[in-house]
Amino acid sequence: MTIPDRITARWIATLGDDQLVKAEATLHADFREREAMEKQRAGSRYVLLQGPQPLVTVWLRWLLVSNATRDRGLVVNHR
């Protein structure tokens, strides 16, 4: 599955439950990776929404899909 650069409600609506869970897991992994790098760089000064634009963008993409999984009542487990 290809995740578009711009995630919209229309795109999310085209996904089945399994596809949505996979997209959420992929986007969560991307966010956690970028967040870890920024936390290492910024240390105690780290504030998510004051971070660099790519970090905030990857967080927002994950958040949109994460909210959709919860709206559908799907359970997502992150390891």
N, C-alpha and C. Protein backbone atom coordinates (compact mmCIF):
# COMPACT_ATOMS: atom_id res chain seq x y z
N MET A 1 0.84 -1.18 0.00
CA MET A 1 0.00 0.00 0.00
C MET A 1 0.88 1.24 0.00
N THR A 2 0.48 2.20 -0.77
CA THR A 2 1.19 3.48 -0.83
C THR A 2 0.42 4.50 -0.01
N ILE A 3 1.14 5.13 0.89
CA ILE A 3 0.54 6.18 1.72
C ILE A 3 0.83 7.51 1.04
N PRO A 4 -0.21 8.27 0.73
CA PRO A 4 0.01 9.54 0.02
C PRO A 4 0.70 10.57 0.91
N ASP A 5 1.31 11.56 0.27
CA ASP A 5 1.96 12.64 1.01
C ASP A 5 0.94 13.44 1.80
N ARG A 6 -0.23 13.61 1.22
CA ARG A 6 -1.29 14.37 1.89
C ARG A 6 -2.42 13.41 2.24
N ILE A 7 -2.60 13.18 3.51
CA ILE A 7 -3.63 12.25 3.98
C ILE A 7 -4.93 13.02 4.16
N THR A 8 -5.98 12.50 3.56
CA THR A 8 -7.29 13.15 3.64
C THR A 8 -8.32 12.14 4.15
N ALA A 9 -9.44 12.67 4.58
CA ALA A 9 -10.54 11.80 5.02
C ALA A 9 -11.03 10.93 3.87
N ARG A 10 -11.00 11.46 2.68
CA ARG A 10 -11.42 10.69 1.50
C ARG A 10 -10.52 9.47 1.31
N TRP A 11 -9.20 9.66 1.42
CA TRP A 11 -8.27 8.54 1.28
C TRP A 11 -8.50 7.53 2.40
N ILE A 12 -8.64 8.00 3.63
CA ILE A 12 -8.86 7.09 4.76
C ILE A 12 -10.13 6.27 4.55
N ALA A 13 -11.17 6.89 4.00
CA ALA A 13 -12.44 6.19 3.78
C ALA A 13 -12.31 5.06 2.76
N THR A 14 -11.30 5.13 1.89
CA THR A 14 -11.12 4.07 0.88
C THR A 14 -10.46 2.83 1.46
N LEU A 15 -9.92 2.93 2.67
CA LEU A 15 -9.18 1.82 3.26
C LEU A 15 -10.09 0.88 4.02
N GLY A 16 -9.81 -0.41 3.88
CA GLY A 16 -10.46 -1.39 4.73
C GLY A 16 -9.82 -1.36 6.11
N ASP A 17 -10.40 -2.06 7.06
CA ASP A 17 -9.88 -2.03 8.43
C ASP A 17 -8.43 -2.52 8.50
N ASP A 18 -8.12 -3.63 7.82
CA ASP A 18 -6.75 -4.14 7.85
C ASP A 18 -5.76 -3.16 7.25
N GLN A 19 -6.15 -2.54 6.15
CA GLN A 19 -5.28 -1.55 5.50
C GLN A 19 -5.07 -0.35 6.41
N LEU A 20 -6.11 0.07 7.09
CA LEU A 20 -6.01 1.22 7.98
C LEU A 20 -5.07 0.92 9.15
N VAL A 21 -5.16 -0.26 9.71
CA VAL A 21 -4.29 -0.65 10.81
C VAL A 21 -2.83 -0.70 10.34
N LYS A 22 -2.60 -1.23 9.14
CA LYS A 22 -1.24 -1.28 8.60
C LYS A 22 -0.69 0.12 8.34
N ALA A 23 -1.52 1.00 7.80
CA ALA A 23 -1.09 2.38 7.56
C ALA A 23 -0.76 3.07 8.88
N GLU A 24 -1.59 2.84 9.89
CA GLU A 24 -1.36 3.45 11.20
C GLU A 24 -0.03 2.97 11.78
N ALA A 25 0.24 1.68 11.66
CA ALA A 25 1.49 1.13 12.19
C ALA A 25 2.70 1.71 11.47
N THR A 26 2.60 1.84 10.16
CA THR A 26 3.70 2.41 9.37
C THR A 26 3.96 3.86 9.76
N LEU A 27 2.89 4.63 9.84
CA LEU A 27 3.03 6.04 10.18
C LEU A 27 3.50 6.23 11.62
N HIS A 28 3.07 5.36 12.52
CA HIS A 28 3.52 5.45 13.91
C HIS A 28 5.02 5.18 14.00
N ALA A 29 5.49 4.17 13.27
CA ALA A 29 6.92 3.87 13.27
C ALA A 29 7.73 5.04 12.72
N ASP A 30 7.24 5.67 11.65
CA ASP A 30 7.92 6.85 11.10
C ASP A 30 7.98 7.98 12.13
N PHE A 31 6.86 8.21 12.81
CA PHE A 31 6.82 9.27 13.81
C PHE A 31 7.78 8.98 14.96
N ARG A 32 7.75 7.77 15.48
CA ARG A 32 8.61 7.43 16.62
C ARG A 32 10.09 7.58 16.26
N GLU A 33 10.44 7.23 15.03
CA GLU A 33 11.84 7.35 14.59
C GLU A 33 12.26 8.82 14.56
N ARG A 34 11.43 9.65 13.95
CA ARG A 34 11.77 11.09 13.90
C ARG A 34 11.74 11.74 15.27
N GLU A 35 10.79 11.32 16.09
CA GLU A 35 10.69 11.87 17.43
C GLU A 35 11.93 11.52 18.25
N ALA A 36 12.40 10.29 18.14
CA ALA A 36 13.59 9.87 18.88
C ALA A 36 14.81 10.69 18.46
N MET A 37 14.94 10.94 17.16
CA MET A 37 16.07 11.75 16.68
C MET A 37 15.99 13.17 17.24
N GLU A 38 14.78 13.74 17.23
CA GLU A 38 14.61 15.12 17.72
C GLU A 38 14.83 15.19 19.23
N LYS A 39 14.36 14.19 19.97
CA LYS A 39 14.59 14.18 21.41
C LYS A 39 16.07 14.09 21.73
N GLN A 40 16.80 13.29 20.95
CA GLN A 40 18.24 13.18 21.16
C GLN A 40 18.92 14.51 20.85
N ARG A 41 18.48 15.17 19.79
CA ARG A 41 19.07 16.45 19.40
C ARG A 41 18.74 17.56 20.39
N ALA A 42 17.47 17.66 20.78
CA ALA A 42 17.03 18.79 21.60
C ALA A 42 17.18 18.55 23.10
N GLY A 43 17.21 17.30 23.50
CA GLY A 43 17.34 17.00 24.93
C GLY A 43 16.14 17.51 25.72
N SER A 44 16.40 18.17 26.82
CA SER A 44 15.33 18.62 27.71
C SER A 44 14.52 19.77 27.11
N ARG A 45 14.99 20.34 26.02
CA ARG A 45 14.25 21.43 25.36
C ARG A 45 13.19 20.91 24.40
N TYR A 46 13.07 19.60 24.26
CA TYR A 46 12.14 19.01 23.29
C TYR A 46 10.69 19.37 23.60
N VAL A 47 10.01 19.92 22.60
CA VAL A 47 8.57 20.18 22.64
C VAL A 47 8.07 19.83 21.24
N LEU A 48 7.18 18.84 21.17
CA LEU A 48 6.75 18.32 19.87
C LEU A 48 6.30 19.40 18.91
N LEU A 49 5.35 20.21 19.30
CA LEU A 49 4.78 21.18 18.38
C LEU A 49 5.67 22.39 18.13
N GLN A 50 6.81 22.44 18.81
CA GLN A 50 7.79 23.48 18.52
C GLN A 50 9.00 22.89 17.79
N GLY A 51 8.87 21.64 17.40
CA GLY A 51 9.95 20.96 16.70
C GLY A 51 10.00 21.38 15.23
N PRO A 52 10.94 20.80 14.50
CA PRO A 52 11.05 21.13 13.07
C PRO A 52 9.81 20.67 12.29
N GLN A 53 9.55 21.34 11.20
CA GLN A 53 8.36 21.09 10.39
C GLN A 53 8.22 19.62 9.98
N PRO A 54 9.29 18.91 9.56
CA PRO A 54 9.10 17.50 9.18
C PRO A 54 8.60 16.63 10.34
N LEU A 55 9.03 16.91 11.55
CA LEU A 55 8.56 16.16 12.71
C LEU A 55 7.08 16.41 12.96
N VAL A 56 6.67 17.64 12.92
CA VAL A 56 5.26 17.98 13.15
C VAL A 56 4.39 17.40 12.04
N THR A 57 4.88 17.42 10.81
CA THR A 57 4.13 16.86 9.69
C THR A 57 3.93 15.36 9.84
N VAL A 58 4.98 14.63 10.20
CA VAL A 58 4.86 13.19 10.34
C VAL A 58 3.95 12.85 11.52
N TRP A 59 3.97 13.67 12.55
CA TRP A 59 3.06 13.47 13.69
C TRP A 59 1.61 13.68 13.26
N LEU A 60 1.36 14.74 12.50
CA LEU A 60 0.01 15.04 12.05
C LEU A 60 -0.54 13.94 11.14
N ARG A 61 0.30 13.43 10.23
CA ARG A 61 -0.12 12.34 9.35
C ARG A 61 -0.51 11.12 10.17
N TRP A 62 0.32 10.77 11.17
CA TRP A 62 0.01 9.63 12.01
C TRP A 62 -1.26 9.89 12.83
N LEU A 63 -1.39 11.09 13.35
CA LEU A 63 -2.55 11.43 14.18
C LEU A 63 -3.87 11.28 13.42
N LEU A 64 -3.91 11.72 12.18
CA LEU A 64 -5.12 11.60 11.37
C LEU A 64 -5.53 10.14 11.20
N VAL A 65 -4.57 9.29 10.91
CA VAL A 65 -4.87 7.87 10.70
C VAL A 65 -5.16 7.20 12.04
N SER A 66 -4.46 7.58 13.08
CA SER A 66 -4.70 7.01 14.41
C SER A 66 -6.11 7.33 14.88
N ASN A 67 -6.55 8.56 14.68
CA ASN A 67 -7.91 8.93 15.06
C ASN A 67 -8.94 8.12 14.28
N ALA A 68 -8.67 7.86 13.02
CA ALA A 68 -9.59 7.08 12.20
C ALA A 68 -9.68 5.64 12.71
N THR A 69 -8.56 5.07 13.15
CA THR A 69 -8.62 3.70 13.68
C THR A 69 -9.46 3.67 14.95
N ARG A 70 -9.30 4.67 15.80
CA ARG A 70 -10.11 4.72 17.03
C ARG A 70 -11.59 4.94 16.71
N ASP A 71 -11.86 5.78 15.73
CA ASP A 71 -13.26 6.03 15.34
C ASP A 71 -13.93 4.75 14.87
N ARG A 72 -13.17 3.89 14.23
CA ARG A 72 -13.72 2.61 13.76
C ARG A 72 -13.73 1.54 14.84
N GLY A 73 -13.16 1.85 15.99
CA GLY A 73 -13.13 0.88 17.08
C GLY A 73 -12.08 -0.20 16.89
N LEU A 74 -11.05 0.08 16.10
CA LEU A 74 -10.00 -0.90 15.84
C LEU A 74 -8.94 -0.83 16.92
N VAL A 75 -8.39 -1.96 17.27
CA VAL A 75 -7.35 -2.04 18.28
C VAL A 75 -5.99 -2.08 17.58
N VAL A 76 -5.11 -1.19 17.99
CA VAL A 76 -3.77 -1.12 17.41
C VAL A 76 -2.78 -1.36 18.54
N ASN A 77 -1.90 -2.30 18.35
CA ASN A 77 -0.86 -2.58 19.35
C ASN A 77 0.49 -2.21 18.78
N HIS A 78 1.19 -1.33 19.48
CA HIS A 78 2.55 -0.95 19.08
C HIS A 78 3.53 -1.68 19.98
N ARG A 79 4.52 -2.23 19.36
CA ARG A 79 5.53 -2.96 20.14
C ARG A 79 6.68 -2.09 20.46
